[in-house]
N, C-alpha and C. Protein backbone atom coordinates (compact mmCIF):
# COMPACT_ATOMS: atom_id res chain seq x y z
N MET A 1 125.73 9.12 -151.02
CA MET A 1 123.78 8.73 -151.41
C MET A 1 123.44 8.90 -150.05
N GLN A 2 122.38 9.22 -150.15
CA GLN A 2 121.17 8.46 -149.07
C GLN A 2 120.02 7.35 -149.93
N THR A 3 119.96 6.60 -148.67
CA THR A 3 118.88 5.94 -148.84
C THR A 3 117.37 6.03 -148.35
N GLN A 4 116.38 5.60 -149.35
CA GLN A 4 114.86 5.88 -148.22
C GLN A 4 115.46 4.84 -146.86
N GLU A 5 114.65 4.80 -146.18
CA GLU A 5 114.56 3.74 -145.43
C GLU A 5 112.81 2.87 -145.58
N GLN A 6 113.35 1.69 -145.89
CA GLN A 6 112.19 0.64 -146.35
C GLN A 6 111.34 0.52 -145.36
N PRO A 7 109.81 0.83 -145.96
CA PRO A 7 108.27 0.64 -144.75
C PRO A 7 108.45 -0.68 -144.26
N SER A 8 107.82 -0.58 -143.00
CA SER A 8 107.99 -2.18 -142.62
C SER A 8 107.19 -2.64 -143.11
N VAL A 9 106.67 -4.45 -142.88
CA VAL A 9 105.60 -4.78 -143.20
C VAL A 9 104.02 -4.32 -142.71
N ASP A 10 104.26 -3.75 -141.60
CA ASP A 10 103.52 -3.86 -140.28
C ASP A 10 102.82 -2.20 -141.13
N ASP A 11 103.65 -1.20 -141.70
CA ASP A 11 103.95 0.28 -142.11
C ASP A 11 102.97 0.07 -143.31
N LEU A 12 102.91 -0.99 -144.08
CA LEU A 12 102.35 -1.17 -145.34
C LEU A 12 100.90 -1.87 -145.09
N GLN A 13 100.73 -2.95 -144.03
CA GLN A 13 99.70 -3.38 -144.05
C GLN A 13 98.42 -2.12 -143.66
N GLU A 14 99.13 -1.57 -142.72
CA GLU A 14 98.02 0.00 -142.56
C GLU A 14 97.72 0.86 -143.38
N LEU A 15 98.86 1.34 -144.29
CA LEU A 15 98.34 1.87 -145.85
C LEU A 15 97.18 0.56 -146.73
N TRP A 16 97.70 -0.31 -146.42
CA TRP A 16 96.23 -1.17 -147.37
C TRP A 16 95.24 -1.32 -146.47
N GLY A 17 95.25 -0.74 -145.52
CA GLY A 17 94.27 -0.72 -144.84
C GLY A 17 93.33 0.43 -144.82
N GLN A 18 94.13 1.46 -145.82
CA GLN A 18 93.39 3.15 -145.65
C GLN A 18 93.21 3.13 -147.49
N LEU A 19 93.62 1.56 -147.85
CA LEU A 19 93.90 2.07 -149.26
C LEU A 19 92.31 1.83 -149.75
N GLY A 20 91.80 0.70 -149.09
CA GLY A 20 90.45 0.17 -148.61
C GLY A 20 89.35 1.22 -148.36
N ASN A 21 89.28 2.07 -148.09
CA ASN A 21 88.68 3.66 -148.20
C ASN A 21 88.67 3.98 -149.20
N VAL A 22 89.67 3.86 -149.99
CA VAL A 22 89.10 5.26 -151.35
C VAL A 22 88.44 4.37 -152.44
N PRO A 23 87.59 5.27 -153.03
CA PRO A 23 86.81 4.64 -154.31
C PRO A 23 87.23 4.06 -155.63
N VAL A 24 86.59 3.60 -155.84
CA VAL A 24 87.56 2.90 -156.94
C VAL A 24 86.16 2.64 -158.28
N ASP A 25 86.90 2.64 -159.40
CA ASP A 25 85.20 2.74 -160.51
C ASP A 25 85.13 1.30 -160.65
N VAL A 26 84.39 1.36 -161.69
CA VAL A 26 83.74 -0.45 -162.20
C VAL A 26 85.27 -1.31 -162.95
N ASP A 27 85.85 0.28 -163.63
CA ASP A 27 87.12 -0.22 -164.44
C ASP A 27 88.61 -0.36 -163.43
N GLY A 28 88.34 -0.44 -162.45
CA GLY A 28 89.35 0.00 -161.53
C GLY A 28 90.31 0.43 -161.10
N TYR A 29 89.87 1.80 -161.10
CA TYR A 29 90.88 3.06 -161.34
C TYR A 29 89.97 3.72 -160.35
N LEU A 30 90.89 4.65 -159.75
CA LEU A 30 90.94 5.53 -158.47
C LEU A 30 90.11 6.47 -158.81
N GLU A 31 89.27 6.35 -157.38
CA GLU A 31 88.51 7.89 -157.25
C GLU A 31 88.68 8.88 -156.59
N ALA A 32 90.08 8.78 -156.43
CA ALA A 32 90.57 9.72 -154.86
C ALA A 32 91.94 9.59 -155.04
N PRO A 33 92.77 10.28 -154.80
CA PRO A 33 93.80 10.28 -154.81
C PRO A 33 94.36 9.64 -153.42
N PHE A 34 95.69 8.88 -153.54
CA PHE A 34 95.74 8.22 -152.21
C PHE A 34 97.34 8.23 -152.58
N LEU A 35 98.39 8.54 -151.26
CA LEU A 35 99.39 8.51 -151.31
C LEU A 35 99.97 9.27 -152.38
N HIS A 36 100.91 9.27 -153.24
CA HIS A 36 101.58 9.81 -154.12
C HIS A 36 101.07 9.28 -155.76
N PHE A 37 99.76 8.73 -155.18
CA PHE A 37 98.92 8.05 -156.35
C PHE A 37 97.41 9.08 -157.05
N ALA A 38 97.55 9.45 -158.15
CA ALA A 38 96.29 10.59 -158.77
C ALA A 38 95.15 9.69 -158.99
N VAL A 39 93.87 10.27 -158.71
CA VAL A 39 93.05 10.39 -159.18
C VAL A 39 93.37 9.61 -160.52
N GLY A 40 92.49 8.51 -160.76
CA GLY A 40 92.27 8.36 -162.20
C GLY A 40 93.48 6.72 -162.62
N THR A 41 94.77 6.35 -161.57
CA THR A 41 95.53 5.70 -162.05
C THR A 41 95.12 4.10 -161.09
N ASP A 42 95.11 3.43 -162.09
CA ASP A 42 94.84 2.32 -161.96
C ASP A 42 95.35 1.14 -161.10
N ARG A 43 94.00 0.58 -159.67
CA ARG A 43 94.38 0.19 -158.71
C ARG A 43 95.80 -1.08 -158.83
N GLU A 44 95.40 -1.61 -159.87
CA GLU A 44 96.86 -2.71 -160.07
C GLU A 44 98.32 -2.09 -160.30
N ASP A 45 98.30 -0.84 -160.44
CA ASP A 45 99.95 0.30 -160.32
C ASP A 45 100.04 0.16 -159.16
N VAL A 46 98.73 0.53 -157.87
CA VAL A 46 99.05 0.56 -156.53
C VAL A 46 99.53 -0.68 -155.57
N TRP A 47 98.57 -1.85 -156.45
CA TRP A 47 99.22 -2.67 -155.46
C TRP A 47 100.84 -3.07 -156.20
N HIS A 48 101.55 -2.99 -157.27
CA HIS A 48 102.84 -3.56 -158.07
C HIS A 48 102.90 -2.74 -156.90
N TRP A 49 103.27 -1.68 -156.27
CA TRP A 49 104.19 -0.04 -155.68
C TRP A 49 103.84 -1.30 -154.45
N PHE A 50 103.04 -1.21 -153.67
CA PHE A 50 102.75 -2.50 -152.37
C PHE A 50 104.20 -3.62 -152.51
N GLU A 51 103.55 -3.71 -153.25
CA GLU A 51 104.57 -5.15 -153.45
C GLU A 51 107.04 -4.88 -153.37
N ALA A 52 106.45 -3.98 -154.22
CA ALA A 52 107.82 -3.06 -154.92
C ALA A 52 108.64 -2.83 -153.45
N GLN A 53 107.82 -2.18 -152.53
CA GLN A 53 107.91 -1.61 -151.19
C GLN A 53 108.95 -2.38 -150.08
N HIS A 54 108.81 -3.80 -150.61
CA HIS A 54 109.11 -4.85 -149.11
C HIS A 54 109.04 -6.23 -149.68
N PRO A 55 109.72 -7.35 -149.65
CA PRO A 55 110.23 -8.42 -150.16
C PRO A 55 109.15 -8.65 -149.24
N ASP A 56 109.01 -9.10 -148.25
CA ASP A 56 107.95 -9.77 -147.97
C ASP A 56 106.42 -9.68 -148.09
N VAL A 57 106.06 -8.67 -148.77
CA VAL A 57 104.63 -8.22 -149.17
C VAL A 57 103.56 -8.82 -149.89
N SER A 58 102.98 -9.15 -149.81
CA SER A 58 102.29 -10.05 -151.13
C SER A 58 100.81 -9.47 -151.22
N VAL A 59 100.56 -8.73 -151.93
CA VAL A 59 99.12 -7.83 -152.61
C VAL A 59 98.09 -9.32 -151.79
N ALA A 60 98.31 -10.25 -152.50
CA ALA A 60 97.52 -11.63 -152.18
C ALA A 60 97.24 -11.78 -151.12
N ALA A 61 98.93 -11.75 -150.10
CA ALA A 61 98.20 -12.25 -148.65
C ALA A 61 97.37 -11.12 -147.98
N PHE A 62 98.15 -9.84 -148.49
CA PHE A 62 96.78 -8.72 -147.99
C PHE A 62 95.40 -8.76 -147.81
N MET A 63 95.27 -9.33 -149.21
CA MET A 63 93.62 -9.71 -149.53
C MET A 63 93.48 -11.14 -149.15
N GLY A 64 93.94 -11.88 -148.18
CA GLY A 64 93.69 -12.70 -147.95
C GLY A 64 93.44 -14.25 -148.89
N ILE A 65 93.83 -13.81 -149.78
CA ILE A 65 93.27 -15.16 -150.70
C ILE A 65 94.58 -16.15 -151.07
N ALA A 66 96.15 -15.72 -150.15
CA ALA A 66 97.45 -16.71 -150.05
C ALA A 66 97.93 -16.82 -149.39
N LYS A 67 98.78 -17.31 -148.58
CA LYS A 67 99.45 -17.33 -147.57
C LYS A 67 100.44 -16.59 -147.34
N PRO A 68 100.93 -15.97 -146.18
CA PRO A 68 101.62 -14.85 -146.24
C PRO A 68 103.19 -15.56 -146.35
């Protein structure tokens, strides 16, 4: 069985920066696709995906509201 390689924290930080360019409506839903997420996806679902990709990833840390 093949396993997918875990992305690095640096790779995820780069993707986080790209997510910052994706418009979000006032209710927190994506207005443009991002990676495999469709228009209309709740941004919190995307945040949970980031945290699920690597045990050392914290969305709060990426946002600068918590220490890494």
